[in-house]
Amino acid sequence: MADLDHSSEESSVDSRAEDTSQDSKLDFSEDEEFLITRMFNLVGERWSLIAGRIPGRSAEEIEKYWNSRYSTSE
């Protein structure tokens, strides 16, 4: 039974490492930022359409990036 407890601890550490890597994946290059801004001005909040122009990026990543960078909370 101790082995099972140990393996579950390892998996929780792995999931935290994945969360950290997802946060660092929100680092966008200047080209990606420019393209996202330009596409947003053309098509609005159609994140999947914008993501289709940027290899390796999901619509969720782009929306999260946009909201964290350009969110207008007054």
N, C-alpha and C. Protein backbone atom coordinates (compact mmCIF):
# COMPACT_ATOMS: atom_id res chain seq x y z
N MET A 1 0.82 -1.19 0.00
CA MET A 1 0.00 0.00 0.00
C MET A 1 0.86 1.25 0.00
N ALA A 2 2.01 1.22 0.63
CA ALA A 2 2.87 2.39 0.69
C ALA A 2 3.31 2.79 -0.72
N ASP A 3 3.52 1.80 -1.59
CA ASP A 3 3.91 2.12 -2.96
C ASP A 3 2.82 2.91 -3.68
N LEU A 4 1.57 2.56 -3.44
CA LEU A 4 0.47 3.29 -4.08
C LEU A 4 0.42 4.74 -3.62
N ASP A 5 0.61 4.96 -2.32
CA ASP A 5 0.61 6.33 -1.81
C ASP A 5 1.74 7.13 -2.42
N HIS A 6 2.90 6.51 -2.55
CA HIS A 6 4.07 7.20 -3.10
C HIS A 6 3.84 7.58 -4.56
N SER A 7 3.25 6.68 -5.33
CA SER A 7 3.03 6.98 -6.74
C SER A 7 2.00 8.09 -6.92
N SER A 8 1.01 8.17 -6.04
CA SER A 8 0.03 9.25 -6.16
C SER A 8 0.67 10.59 -5.83
N GLU A 9 1.63 10.60 -4.90
CA GLU A 9 2.35 11.84 -4.61
C GLU A 9 3.14 12.29 -5.83
N GLU A 10 3.78 11.34 -6.51
CA GLU A 10 4.55 11.68 -7.70
C GLU A 10 3.65 12.26 -8.78
N SER A 11 2.47 11.68 -8.97
CA SER A 11 1.58 12.18 -10.01
C SER A 11 1.09 13.59 -9.69
N SER A 12 0.89 13.91 -8.41
CA SER A 12 0.46 15.26 -8.08
C SER A 12 1.59 16.26 -8.32
N VAL A 13 2.82 15.85 -8.10
CA VAL A 13 3.97 16.71 -8.40
C VAL A 13 4.05 16.92 -9.91
N ASP A 14 3.83 15.85 -10.69
CA ASP A 14 3.87 15.96 -12.14
C ASP A 14 2.80 16.92 -12.64
N SER A 15 1.60 16.87 -12.07
CA SER A 15 0.53 17.75 -12.53
C SER A 15 0.84 19.20 -12.20
N ARG A 16 1.50 19.45 -11.07
CA ARG A 16 1.90 20.82 -10.75
C ARG A 16 2.95 21.30 -11.73
N ALA A 17 3.86 20.43 -12.14
CA ALA A 17 4.88 20.80 -13.11
C ALA A 17 4.23 21.13 -14.46
N GLU A 18 3.19 20.39 -14.83
CA GLU A 18 2.48 20.68 -16.08
C GLU A 18 1.80 22.04 -16.00
N ASP A 19 1.21 22.38 -14.85
CA ASP A 19 0.57 23.69 -14.69
C ASP A 19 1.59 24.80 -14.88
N THR A 20 2.77 24.64 -14.31
CA THR A 20 3.82 25.64 -14.44
C THR A 20 4.25 25.78 -15.90
N SER A 21 4.39 24.65 -16.60
CA SER A 21 4.82 24.72 -17.99
C SER A 21 3.75 25.37 -18.85
N GLN A 22 2.47 25.21 -18.50
CA GLN A 22 1.41 25.88 -19.26
C GLN A 22 1.47 27.37 -19.05
N ASP A 23 1.79 27.82 -17.84
CA ASP A 23 1.91 29.25 -17.60
C ASP A 23 3.07 29.84 -18.39
N SER A 24 4.19 29.14 -18.43
CA SER A 24 5.33 29.65 -19.16
C SER A 24 5.08 29.61 -20.67
N LYS A 25 4.16 28.74 -21.10
CA LYS A 25 3.82 28.68 -22.52
C LYS A 25 3.08 29.92 -22.97
N LEU A 26 2.57 30.71 -22.02
CA LEU A 26 1.89 31.95 -22.37
C LEU A 26 2.88 33.05 -22.73
N ASP A 27 4.16 32.73 -22.72
CA ASP A 27 5.15 33.66 -23.22
C ASP A 27 5.08 33.62 -24.75
N PHE A 28 4.61 34.71 -25.33
CA PHE A 28 4.45 34.77 -26.77
C PHE A 28 5.57 35.60 -27.37
N SER A 29 6.00 35.24 -28.56
CA SER A 29 7.03 36.01 -29.25
C SER A 29 6.43 37.31 -29.76
N GLU A 30 7.28 38.23 -30.16
CA GLU A 30 6.80 39.50 -30.71
C GLU A 30 5.96 39.26 -31.96
N ASP A 31 6.40 38.33 -32.80
CA ASP A 31 5.65 38.02 -34.02
C ASP A 31 4.26 37.48 -33.69
N GLU A 32 4.18 36.60 -32.68
CA GLU A 32 2.89 36.06 -32.28
C GLU A 32 1.99 37.16 -31.72
N GLU A 33 2.55 38.03 -30.89
CA GLU A 33 1.77 39.13 -30.33
C GLU A 33 1.23 40.03 -31.43
N PHE A 34 2.07 40.35 -32.39
CA PHE A 34 1.66 41.20 -33.51
C PHE A 34 0.54 40.54 -34.31
N LEU A 35 0.72 39.25 -34.59
CA LEU A 35 -0.28 38.53 -35.36
C LEU A 35 -1.61 38.43 -34.61
N ILE A 36 -1.55 38.16 -33.31
CA ILE A 36 -2.77 38.08 -32.51
C ILE A 36 -3.50 39.42 -32.53
N THR A 37 -2.76 40.50 -32.33
CA THR A 37 -3.37 41.83 -32.33
C THR A 37 -3.99 42.15 -33.67
N ARG A 38 -3.27 41.87 -34.72
CA ARG A 38 -3.77 42.15 -36.07
C ARG A 38 -5.01 41.31 -36.39
N MET A 39 -4.93 40.01 -36.07
CA MET A 39 -6.07 39.13 -36.33
C MET A 39 -7.28 39.54 -35.48
N PHE A 40 -7.04 39.92 -34.23
CA PHE A 40 -8.14 40.35 -33.37
C PHE A 40 -8.85 41.56 -33.98
N ASN A 41 -8.07 42.50 -34.50
CA ASN A 41 -8.66 43.68 -35.13
C ASN A 41 -9.48 43.30 -36.37
N LEU A 42 -9.10 42.23 -37.04
CA LEU A 42 -9.82 41.80 -38.24
C LEU A 42 -11.05 40.94 -37.93
N VAL A 43 -10.91 39.99 -37.01
CA VAL A 43 -11.96 38.99 -36.80
C VAL A 43 -12.58 39.02 -35.41
N GLY A 44 -12.06 39.85 -34.52
CA GLY A 44 -12.61 39.92 -33.17
C GLY A 44 -12.23 38.71 -32.32
N GLU A 45 -13.12 38.31 -31.45
CA GLU A 45 -12.84 37.24 -30.48
C GLU A 45 -13.05 35.85 -31.06
N ARG A 46 -12.65 35.62 -32.26
CA ARG A 46 -12.74 34.29 -32.87
C ARG A 46 -11.40 33.59 -32.64
N TRP A 47 -11.22 33.14 -31.40
CA TRP A 47 -9.93 32.62 -30.94
C TRP A 47 -9.47 31.42 -31.74
N SER A 48 -10.37 30.55 -32.12
CA SER A 48 -9.97 29.36 -32.87
C SER A 48 -9.45 29.74 -34.26
N LEU A 49 -10.02 30.76 -34.84
CA LEU A 49 -9.55 31.24 -36.14
C LEU A 49 -8.15 31.84 -36.01
N ILE A 50 -7.93 32.60 -34.96
CA ILE A 50 -6.61 33.19 -34.71
C ILE A 50 -5.60 32.08 -34.42
N ALA A 51 -5.98 31.10 -33.60
CA ALA A 51 -5.09 30.00 -33.25
C ALA A 51 -4.69 29.20 -34.48
N GLY A 52 -5.57 29.12 -35.46
CA GLY A 52 -5.26 28.40 -36.69
C GLY A 52 -4.11 29.01 -37.47
N ARG A 53 -3.82 30.26 -37.20
CA ARG A 53 -2.72 30.96 -37.89
C ARG A 53 -1.40 30.89 -37.14
N ILE A 54 -1.44 30.36 -35.91
CA ILE A 54 -0.24 30.30 -35.08
C ILE A 54 0.01 28.84 -34.70
N PRO A 55 0.97 28.19 -35.35
CA PRO A 55 1.24 26.78 -35.07
C PRO A 55 1.61 26.55 -33.60
N GLY A 56 1.02 25.50 -33.03
CA GLY A 56 1.35 25.12 -31.66
C GLY A 56 0.59 25.87 -30.59
N ARG A 57 -0.33 26.74 -30.98
CA ARG A 57 -1.11 27.49 -30.00
C ARG A 57 -2.58 27.08 -30.08
N SER A 58 -3.20 26.98 -28.93
CA SER A 58 -4.63 26.64 -28.90
C SER A 58 -5.45 27.92 -28.75
N ALA A 59 -6.72 27.81 -29.08
CA ALA A 59 -7.62 28.94 -28.93
C ALA A 59 -7.68 29.39 -27.46
N GLU A 60 -7.64 28.43 -26.54
CA GLU A 60 -7.69 28.75 -25.12
C GLU A 60 -6.46 29.54 -24.69
N GLU A 61 -5.29 29.15 -25.18
CA GLU A 61 -4.06 29.88 -24.84
C GLU A 61 -4.12 31.32 -25.32
N ILE A 62 -4.61 31.51 -26.53
CA ILE A 62 -4.66 32.84 -27.12
C ILE A 62 -5.69 33.70 -26.39
N GLU A 63 -6.83 33.13 -26.07
CA GLU A 63 -7.84 33.89 -25.32
C GLU A 63 -7.31 34.27 -23.94
N LYS A 64 -6.65 33.33 -23.27
CA LYS A 64 -6.09 33.61 -21.95
C LYS A 64 -5.03 34.70 -22.04
N TYR A 65 -4.17 34.61 -23.04
CA TYR A 65 -3.15 35.63 -23.26
C TYR A 65 -3.82 36.99 -23.48
N TRP A 66 -4.80 37.04 -24.38
CA TRP A 66 -5.47 38.30 -24.71
C TRP A 66 -6.12 38.92 -23.47
N ASN A 67 -6.85 38.09 -22.73
CA ASN A 67 -7.55 38.60 -21.55
C ASN A 67 -6.59 39.06 -20.46
N SER A 68 -5.44 38.39 -20.33
CA SER A 68 -4.48 38.81 -19.31
C SER A 68 -3.73 40.06 -19.74
N ARG A 69 -3.60 40.26 -21.01
CA ARG A 69 -2.82 41.39 -21.52
C ARG A 69 -3.69 42.62 -21.81
N TYR A 70 -4.86 42.41 -22.36
CA TYR A 70 -5.67 43.52 -22.83
C TYR A 70 -7.01 43.65 -22.14
N SER A 71 -7.20 42.95 -21.05
CA SER A 71 -8.46 43.01 -20.32
C SER A 71 -8.70 44.43 -19.82
N THR A 72 -9.91 44.92 -20.04
CA THR A 72 -10.27 46.27 -19.59
C THR A 72 -11.25 46.15 -18.43
N SER A 73 -10.73 46.18 -17.24
CA SER A 73 -11.60 46.12 -16.07
C SER A 73 -11.62 47.52 -15.44
N GLU A 74 -12.78 48.15 -15.55
CA GLU A 74 -12.89 49.52 -15.05
C GLU A 74 -13.68 49.56 -13.77
